[in-house]
Amino acid sequence: MSRDSVFAALQAQTDRLDTILTSLDDDQWSAPSLCSGWSVSDVVLHLAQTEEGVALTIAGREMPGRPDGASSVDDVIDEWVRRER
């Protein structure tokens, strides 16, 4: 797979997600997701945080505010979502 095709696929995926998300009403945004304890909004927040983390990693920086006492990656991610809800 060429670099251009990878970027084209990423753009198509982003466009499709944008189409889906812009059609949601307030009730759909706050609806439970398949991720236990997370709403649809929480899942989208997590996606945005992941993109932010990629950009920071490329820049040689870390995600700010690693929670104290987090025992797993799941705990860290869950806390970051809770903080930015």
PDB file of N, CA and C in Angstrom:
ATOM      1  N   MET A   1       0.851  -1.166   0.000  1.00  0.00           N
ATOM      2  CA  MET A   1       0.000   0.000   0.000  1.00  0.00           C
ATOM      3  C   MET A   1       0.903   1.236   0.000  1.00  0.00           C
ATOM      4  N   SER A   2       0.600   2.162  -0.888  1.00  0.00           N
ATOM      5  CA  SER A   2       1.418   3.366  -0.991  1.00  0.00           C
ATOM      6  C   SER A   2       1.049   4.371   0.095  1.00  0.00           C
ATOM      7  N   ARG A   3       1.960   5.280   0.314  1.00  0.00           N
ATOM      8  CA  ARG A   3       1.729   6.341   1.307  1.00  0.00           C
ATOM      9  C   ARG A   3       0.486   7.149   0.937  1.00  0.00           C
ATOM     10  N   ASP A   4       0.346   7.473  -0.354  1.00  0.00           N
ATOM     11  CA  ASP A   4      -0.813   8.251  -0.790  1.00  0.00           C
ATOM     12  C   ASP A   4      -2.120   7.517  -0.534  1.00  0.00           C
ATOM     13  N   SER A   5      -2.123   6.214  -0.733  1.00  0.00           N
ATOM     14  CA  SER A   5      -3.361   5.463  -0.502  1.00  0.00           C
ATOM     15  C   SER A   5      -3.688   5.383   0.991  1.00  0.00           C
ATOM     16  N   VAL A   6      -2.658   5.342   1.829  1.00  0.00           N
ATOM     17  CA  VAL A   6      -2.887   5.353   3.275  1.00  0.00           C
ATOM     18  C   VAL A   6      -3.527   6.679   3.687  1.00  0.00           C
ATOM     19  N   PHE A   7      -2.991   7.789   3.185  1.00  0.00           N
ATOM     20  CA  PHE A   7      -3.554   9.091   3.526  1.00  0.00           C
ATOM     21  C   PHE A   7      -4.952   9.269   2.948  1.00  0.00           C
ATOM     22  N   ALA A   8      -5.197   8.730   1.770  1.00  0.00           N
ATOM     23  CA  ALA A   8      -6.534   8.806   1.177  1.00  0.00           C
ATOM     24  C   ALA A   8      -7.535   8.012   2.014  1.00  0.00           C
ATOM     25  N   ALA A   9      -7.127   6.844   2.479  1.00  0.00           N
ATOM     26  CA  ALA A   9      -8.009   6.029   3.318  1.00  0.00           C
ATOM     27  C   ALA A   9      -8.281   6.733   4.649  1.00  0.00           C
ATOM     28  N   LEU A  10      -7.267   7.344   5.220  1.00  0.00           N
ATOM     29  CA  LEU A  10      -7.449   8.084   6.470  1.00  0.00           C
ATOM     30  C   LEU A  10      -8.408   9.252   6.266  1.00  0.00           C
ATOM     31  N   GLN A  11      -8.263   9.960   5.165  1.00  0.00           N
ATOM     32  CA  GLN A  11      -9.162  11.082   4.878  1.00  0.00           C
ATOM     33  C   GLN A  11     -10.596  10.594   4.690  1.00  0.00           C
ATOM     34  N   ALA A  12     -10.767   9.497   3.986  1.00  0.00           N
ATOM     35  CA  ALA A  12     -12.109   8.939   3.780  1.00  0.00           C
ATOM     36  C   ALA A  12     -12.732   8.532   5.117  1.00  0.00           C
ATOM     37  N   GLN A  13     -11.934   7.936   5.983  1.00  0.00           N
ATOM     38  CA  GLN A  13     -12.426   7.534   7.304  1.00  0.00           C
ATOM     39  C   GLN A  13     -12.824   8.760   8.120  1.00  0.00           C
ATOM     40  N   THR A  14     -12.007   9.793   8.088  1.00  0.00           N
ATOM     41  CA  THR A  14     -12.291  11.028   8.813  1.00  0.00           C
ATOM     42  C   THR A  14     -13.563  11.678   8.288  1.00  0.00           C
ATOM     43  N   ASP A  15     -13.707  11.719   6.976  1.00  0.00           N
ATOM     44  CA  ASP A  15     -14.913  12.298   6.373  1.00  0.00           C
ATOM     45  C   ASP A  15     -16.169  11.524   6.780  1.00  0.00           C
ATOM     46  N   ARG A  16     -16.080  10.204   6.784  1.00  0.00           N
ATOM     47  CA  ARG A  16     -17.225   9.368   7.170  1.00  0.00           C
ATOM     48  C   ARG A  16     -17.597   9.599   8.632  1.00  0.00           C
ATOM     49  N   LEU A  17     -16.595   9.655   9.506  1.00  0.00           N
ATOM     50  CA  LEU A  17     -16.854   9.914  10.921  1.00  0.00           C
ATOM     51  C   LEU A  17     -17.502  11.283  11.101  1.00  0.00           C
ATOM     52  N   ASP A  18     -17.012  12.279  10.386  1.00  0.00           N
ATOM     53  CA  ASP A  18     -17.581  13.620  10.459  1.00  0.00           C
ATOM     54  C   ASP A  18     -19.050  13.615  10.042  1.00  0.00           C
ATOM     55  N   THR A  19     -19.367  12.895   8.987  1.00  0.00           N
ATOM     56  CA  THR A  19     -20.752  12.789   8.523  1.00  0.00           C
ATOM     57  C   THR A  19     -21.641  12.172   9.597  1.00  0.00           C
ATOM     58  N   ILE A  20     -21.161  11.119  10.231  1.00  0.00           N
ATOM     59  CA  ILE A  20     -21.937  10.455  11.280  1.00  0.00           C
ATOM     60  C   ILE A  20     -22.125  11.383  12.478  1.00  0.00           C
ATOM     61  N   LEU A  21     -21.044  12.002  12.938  1.00  0.00           N
ATOM     62  CA  LEU A  21     -21.099  12.798  14.165  1.00  0.00           C
ATOM     63  C   LEU A  21     -21.925  14.066  13.997  1.00  0.00           C
ATOM     64  N   THR A  22     -21.884  14.687  12.836  1.00  0.00           N
ATOM     65  CA  THR A  22     -22.657  15.911  12.650  1.00  0.00           C
ATOM     66  C   THR A  22     -24.153  15.646  12.596  1.00  0.00           C
ATOM     67  N   SER A  23     -24.552  14.403  12.417  1.00  0.00           N
ATOM     68  CA  SER A  23     -25.976  14.071  12.373  1.00  0.00           C
ATOM     69  C   SER A  23     -26.557  13.749  13.753  1.00  0.00           C
ATOM     70  N   LEU A  24     -25.725  13.665  14.787  1.00  0.00           N
ATOM     71  CA  LEU A  24     -26.201  13.285  16.117  1.00  0.00           C
ATOM     72  C   LEU A  24     -26.900  14.438  16.825  1.00  0.00           C
ATOM     73  N   ASP A  25     -27.987  14.110  17.521  1.00  0.00           N
ATOM     74  CA  ASP A  25     -28.636  15.112  18.367  1.00  0.00           C
ATOM     75  C   ASP A  25     -28.112  14.956  19.801  1.00  0.00           C
ATOM     76  N   ASP A  26     -28.562  15.825  20.694  1.00  0.00           N
ATOM     77  CA  ASP A  26     -28.044  15.817  22.072  1.00  0.00           C
ATOM     78  C   ASP A  26     -28.251  14.472  22.768  1.00  0.00           C
ATOM     79  N   ASP A  27     -29.414  13.864  22.561  1.00  0.00           N
ATOM     80  CA  ASP A  27     -29.674  12.563  23.192  1.00  0.00           C
ATOM     81  C   ASP A  27     -28.727  11.488  22.675  1.00  0.00           C
ATOM     82  N   GLN A  28     -28.424  11.523  21.398  1.00  0.00           N
ATOM     83  CA  GLN A  28     -27.506  10.531  20.830  1.00  0.00           C
ATOM     84  C   GLN A  28     -26.084  10.741  21.337  1.00  0.00           C
ATOM     85  N   TRP A  29     -25.668  11.992  21.505  1.00  0.00           N
ATOM     86  CA  TRP A  29     -24.333  12.266  22.040  1.00  0.00           C
ATOM     87  C   TRP A  29     -24.187  11.743  23.466  1.00  0.00           C
ATOM     88  N   SER A  30     -25.251  11.812  24.240  1.00  0.00           N
ATOM     89  CA  SER A  30     -25.158  11.390  25.635  1.00  0.00           C
ATOM     90  C   SER A  30     -25.560   9.929  25.844  1.00  0.00           C
ATOM     91  N   ALA A  31     -25.935   9.244  24.772  1.00  0.00           N
ATOM     92  CA  ALA A  31     -26.339   7.832  24.881  1.00  0.00           C
ATOM     93  C   ALA A  31     -25.154   6.964  25.301  1.00  0.00           C
ATOM     94  N   PRO A  32     -25.425   5.882  26.019  1.00  0.00           N
ATOM     95  CA  PRO A  32     -24.350   4.950  26.377  1.00  0.00           C
ATOM     96  C   PRO A  32     -23.722   4.340  25.121  1.00  0.00           C
ATOM     97  N   SER A  33     -22.435   4.127  25.181  1.00  0.00           N
ATOM     98  CA  SER A  33     -21.731   3.461  24.085  1.00  0.00           C
ATOM     99  C   SER A  33     -21.502   1.999  24.462  1.00  0.00           C
ATOM    100  N   LEU A  34     -20.846   1.279  23.602  1.00  0.00           N
ATOM    101  CA  LEU A  34     -20.485  -0.099  23.925  1.00  0.00           C
ATOM    102  C   LEU A  34     -19.308  -0.178  24.890  1.00  0.00           C
ATOM    103  N   CYS A  35     -18.668   0.968  25.163  1.00  0.00           N
ATOM    104  CA  CYS A  35     -17.577   1.039  26.139  1.00  0.00           C
ATOM    105  C   CYS A  35     -18.212   1.291  27.507  1.00  0.00           C
ATOM    106  N   SER A  36     -18.112   0.341  28.370  1.00  0.00           N
ATOM    107  CA  SER A  36     -18.782   0.381  29.667  1.00  0.00           C
ATOM    108  C   SER A  36     -18.508   1.681  30.417  1.00  0.00           C
ATOM    109  N   GLY A  37     -19.581   2.387  30.768  1.00  0.00           N
ATOM    110  CA  GLY A  37     -19.466   3.624  31.537  1.00  0.00           C
ATOM    111  C   GLY A  37     -19.204   4.864  30.707  1.00  0.00           C
ATOM    112  N   TRP A  38     -19.070   4.710  29.406  1.00  0.00           N
ATOM    113  CA  TRP A  38     -18.779   5.849  28.540  1.00  0.00           C
ATOM    114  C   TRP A  38     -19.950   6.128  27.614  1.00  0.00           C
ATOM    115  N   SER A  39     -20.228   7.409  27.421  1.00  0.00           N
ATOM    116  CA  SER A  39     -21.230   7.835  26.449  1.00  0.00           C
ATOM    117  C   SER A  39     -20.579   7.910  25.062  1.00  0.00           C
ATOM    118  N   VAL A  40     -21.407   8.151  24.061  1.00  0.00           N
ATOM    119  CA  VAL A  40     -20.877   8.369  22.710  1.00  0.00           C
ATOM    120  C   VAL A  40     -19.921   9.564  22.740  1.00  0.00           C
ATOM    121  N   SER A  41     -20.292  10.599  23.445  1.00  0.00           N
ATOM    122  CA  SER A  41     -19.441  11.779  23.575  1.00  0.00           C
ATOM    123  C   SER A  41     -18.085  11.439  24.188  1.00  0.00           C
ATOM    124  N   ASP A  42     -18.079  10.584  25.199  1.00  0.00           N
ATOM    125  CA  ASP A  42     -16.824  10.170  25.833  1.00  0.00           C
ATOM    126  C   ASP A  42     -15.912   9.450  24.838  1.00  0.00           C
ATOM    127  N   VAL A  43     -16.496   8.604  24.002  1.00  0.00           N
ATOM    128  CA  VAL A  43     -15.700   7.856  23.019  1.00  0.00           C
ATOM    129  C   VAL A  43     -15.078   8.815  22.018  1.00  0.00           C
ATOM    130  N   VAL A  44     -15.857   9.798  21.568  1.00  0.00           N
ATOM    131  CA  VAL A  44     -15.324  10.779  20.617  1.00  0.00           C
ATOM    132  C   VAL A  44     -14.245  11.625  21.286  1.00  0.00           C
ATOM    133  N   LEU A  45     -14.445  11.987  22.549  1.00  0.00           N
ATOM    134  CA  LEU A  45     -13.410  12.705  23.299  1.00  0.00           C
ATOM    135  C   LEU A  45     -12.126  11.880  23.346  1.00  0.00           C
ATOM    136  N   HIS A  46     -12.262  10.597  23.617  1.00  0.00           N
ATOM    137  CA  HIS A  46     -11.091   9.720  23.648  1.00  0.00           C
ATOM    138  C   HIS A  46     -10.381   9.702  22.287  1.00  0.00           C
ATOM    139  N   LEU A  47     -11.140   9.652  21.200  1.00  0.00           N
ATOM    140  CA  LEU A  47     -10.518   9.705  19.869  1.00  0.00           C
ATOM    141  C   LEU A  47      -9.734  11.004  19.686  1.00  0.00           C
ATOM    142  N   ALA A  48     -10.326  12.116  20.114  1.00  0.00           N
ATOM    143  CA  ALA A  48      -9.639  13.410  20.004  1.00  0.00           C
ATOM    144  C   ALA A  48      -8.384  13.441  20.872  1.00  0.00           C
ATOM    145  N   GLN A  49      -8.480  12.891  22.080  1.00  0.00           N
ATOM    146  CA  GLN A  49      -7.309  12.841  22.958  1.00  0.00           C
ATOM    147  C   GLN A  49      -6.205  11.980  22.348  1.00  0.00           C
ATOM    148  N   THR A  50      -6.588  10.911  21.678  1.00  0.00           N
ATOM    149  CA  THR A  50      -5.604  10.050  21.024  1.00  0.00           C
ATOM    150  C   THR A  50      -4.883  10.810  19.920  1.00  0.00           C
ATOM    151  N   GLU A  51      -5.636  11.558  19.136  1.00  0.00           N
ATOM    152  CA  GLU A  51      -5.021  12.380  18.080  1.00  0.00           C
ATOM    153  C   GLU A  51      -4.078  13.419  18.686  1.00  0.00           C
ATOM    154  N   GLU A  52      -4.497  14.021  19.778  1.00  0.00           N
ATOM    155  CA  GLU A  52      -3.648  14.988  20.476  1.00  0.00           C
ATOM    156  C   GLU A  52      -2.370  14.313  20.967  1.00  0.00           C
ATOM    157  N   GLY A  53      -2.507  13.106  21.495  1.00  0.00           N
ATOM    158  CA  GLY A  53      -1.343  12.363  21.969  1.00  0.00           C
ATOM    159  C   GLY A  53      -0.367  12.039  20.855  1.00  0.00           C
ATOM    160  N   VAL A  54      -0.880  11.709  19.684  1.00  0.00           N
ATOM    161  CA  VAL A  54      -0.010  11.436  18.532  1.00  0.00           C
ATOM    162  C   VAL A  54       0.778  12.691  18.172  1.00  0.00           C
ATOM    163  N   ALA A  55       0.082  13.818  18.112  1.00  0.00           N
ATOM    164  CA  ALA A  55       0.760  15.080  17.766  1.00  0.00           C
ATOM    165  C   ALA A  55       1.831  15.433  18.801  1.00  0.00           C
ATOM    166  N   LEU A  56       1.510  15.234  20.083  1.00  0.00           N
ATOM    167  CA  LEU A  56       2.496  15.524  21.129  1.00  0.00           C
ATOM    168  C   LEU A  56       3.687  14.573  21.043  1.00  0.00           C
ATOM    169  N   THR A  57       3.429  13.316  20.766  1.00  0.00           N
ATOM    170  CA  THR A  57       4.517  12.342  20.637  1.00  0.00           C
ATOM    171  C   THR A  57       5.439  12.717  19.491  1.00  0.00           C
ATOM    172  N   ILE A  58       4.875  13.091  18.367  1.00  0.00           N
ATOM    173  CA  ILE A  58       5.685  13.504  17.208  1.00  0.00           C
ATOM    174  C   ILE A  58       6.544  14.712  17.565  1.00  0.00           C
ATOM    175  N   ALA A  59       5.984  15.604  18.403  1.00  0.00           N
ATOM    176  CA  ALA A  59       6.717  16.799  18.824  1.00  0.00           C
ATOM    177  C   ALA A  59       7.696  16.516  19.965  1.00  0.00           C
ATOM    178  N   GLY A  60       7.742  15.251  20.427  1.00  0.00           N
ATOM    179  CA  GLY A  60       8.660  14.885  21.502  1.00  0.00           C
ATOM    180  C   GLY A  60       8.175  15.299  22.875  1.00  0.00           C
ATOM    181  N   ARG A  61       6.856  15.465  23.026  1.00  0.00           N
ATOM    182  CA  ARG A  61       6.278  15.865  24.307  1.00  0.00           C
ATOM    183  C   ARG A  61       5.351  14.763  24.814  1.00  0.00           C
ATOM    184  N   GLU A  62       4.997  14.830  26.080  1.00  0.00           N
ATOM    185  CA  GLU A  62       4.088  13.850  26.682  1.00  0.00           C
ATOM    186  C   GLU A  62       2.727  14.475  26.935  1.00  0.00           C
ATOM    187  N   MET A  63       1.711  13.622  27.036  1.00  0.00           N
ATOM    188  CA  MET A  63       0.392  14.091  27.427  1.00  0.00           C
ATOM    189  C   MET A  63       0.507  14.659  28.836  1.00  0.00           C
ATOM    190  N   PRO A  64      -0.059  15.827  29.079  1.00  0.00           N
ATOM    191  CA  PRO A  64       0.038  16.445  30.400  1.00  0.00           C
ATOM    192  C   PRO A  64      -0.840  15.748  31.425  1.00  0.00           C
ATOM    193  N   GLY A  65      -0.433  15.843  32.666  1.00  0.00           N
ATOM    194  CA  GLY A  65      -1.274  15.441  33.774  1.00  0.00           C
ATOM    195  C   GLY A  65      -1.530  13.966  33.936  1.00  0.00           C
ATOM    196  N   ARG A  66      -0.491  13.147  33.835  1.00  0.00           N
ATOM    197  CA  ARG A  66      -0.693  11.715  34.082  1.00  0.00           C
ATOM    198  C   ARG A  66      -1.232  11.533  35.499  1.00  0.00           C
ATOM    199  N   PRO A  67      -2.351  10.841  35.617  1.00  0.00           N
ATOM    200  CA  PRO A  67      -2.955  10.659  36.935  1.00  0.00           C
ATOM    201  C   PRO A  67      -2.035   9.910  37.902  1.00  0.00           C
ATOM    202  N   ASP A  68      -1.955  10.392  39.129  1.00  0.00           N
ATOM    203  CA  ASP A  68      -1.193   9.700  40.164  1.00  0.00           C
ATOM    204  C   ASP A  68      -1.873   8.384  40.502  1.00  0.00           C
ATOM    205  N   GLY A  69      -1.097   7.359  40.727  1.00  0.00           N
ATOM    206  CA  GLY A  69      -1.631   6.082  41.165  1.00  0.00           C
ATOM    207  C   GLY A  69      -2.297   5.249  40.089  1.00  0.00           C
ATOM    208  N   ALA A  70      -2.235   5.695  38.846  1.00  0.00           N
ATOM    209  CA  ALA A  70      -2.840   4.903  37.771  1.00  0.00           C
ATOM    210  C   ALA A  70      -2.026   3.632  37.602  1.00  0.00           C
ATOM    211  N   SER A  71      -2.719   2.502  37.637  1.00  0.00           N
ATOM    212  CA  SER A  71      -2.013   1.220  37.588  1.00  0.00           C
ATOM    213  C   SER A  71      -1.999   0.600  36.198  1.00  0.00           C
ATOM    214  N   SER A  72      -2.727   1.190  35.264  1.00  0.00           N
ATOM    215  CA  SER A  72      -2.757   0.635  33.910  1.00  0.00           C
ATOM    216  C   SER A  72      -3.030   1.745  32.905  1.00  0.00           C
ATOM    217  N   VAL A  73      -2.799   1.450  31.655  1.00  0.00           N
ATOM    218  CA  VAL A  73      -3.113   2.398  30.581  1.00  0.00           C
ATOM    219  C   VAL A  73      -4.609   2.700  30.595  1.00  0.00           C
ATOM    220  N   ASP A  74      -5.430   1.682  30.832  1.00  0.00           N
ATOM    221  CA  ASP A  74      -6.877   1.886  30.889  1.00  0.00           C
ATOM    222  C   ASP A  74      -7.259   2.888  31.973  1.00  0.00           C
ATOM    223  N   ASP A  75      -6.601   2.814  33.130  1.00  0.00           N
ATOM    224  CA  ASP A  75      -6.873   3.760  34.212  1.00  0.00           C
ATOM    225  C   ASP A  75      -6.499   5.186  33.807  1.00  0.00           C
ATOM    226  N   VAL A  76      -5.365   5.336  33.140  1.00  0.00           N
ATOM    227  CA  VAL A  76      -4.915   6.656  32.689  1.00  0.00           C
ATOM    228  C   VAL A  76      -5.917   7.231  31.702  1.00  0.00           C
ATOM    229  N   ILE A  77      -6.305   6.446  30.707  1.00  0.00           N
ATOM    230  CA  ILE A  77      -7.233   6.912  29.685  1.00  0.00           C
ATOM    231  C   ILE A  77      -8.582   7.268  30.305  1.00  0.00           C
ATOM    232  N   ASP A  78      -9.082   6.430  31.185  1.00  0.00           N
ATOM    233  CA  ASP A  78     -10.364   6.686  31.831  1.00  0.00           C
ATOM    234  C   ASP A  78     -10.327   7.999  32.618  1.00  0.00           C
ATOM    235  N   GLU A  79      -9.234   8.244  33.315  1.00  0.00           N
ATOM    236  CA  GLU A  79      -9.104   9.488  34.088  1.00  0.00           C
ATOM    237  C   GLU A  79      -9.041  10.698  33.170  1.00  0.00           C
ATOM    238  N   TRP A  80      -8.295  10.616  32.058  1.00  0.00           N
ATOM    239  CA  TRP A  80      -8.225  11.738  31.125  1.00  0.00           C
ATOM    240  C   TRP A  80      -9.607  12.071  30.563  1.00  0.00           C
ATOM    241  N   VAL A  81     -10.386  11.048  30.235  1.00  0.00           N
ATOM    242  CA  VAL A  81     -11.742  11.294  29.744  1.00  0.00           C
ATOM    243  C   VAL A  81     -12.584  11.937  30.841  1.00  0.00           C
ATOM    244  N   ARG A  82     -12.504  11.442  32.052  1.00  0.00           N
ATOM    245  CA  ARG A  82     -13.275  12.035  33.165  1.00  0.00           C
ATOM    246  C   ARG A  82     -12.926  13.500  33.361  1.00  0.00           C
ATOM    247  N   ARG A  83     -11.642  13.841  33.267  1.00  0.00           N
ATOM    248  CA  ARG A  83     -11.193  15.214  33.490  1.00  0.00           C
ATOM    249  C   ARG A  83     -11.731  16.168  32.429  1.00  0.00           C
ATOM    250  N   GLU A  84     -11.871  15.691  31.202  1.00  0.00           N
ATOM    251  CA  GLU A  84     -12.245  16.606  30.106  1.00  0.00           C
ATOM    252  C   GLU A  84     -13.705  16.512  29.685  1.00  0.00           C
ATOM    253  N   ARG A  85     -14.489  15.710  30.399  1.00  0.00           N
ATOM    254  CA  ARG A  85     -15.922  15.630  30.070  1.00  0.00           C
ATOM    255  C   ARG A  85     -16.506  17.014  30.111  1.00  0.00           C
TER     256      ARG A  85
END
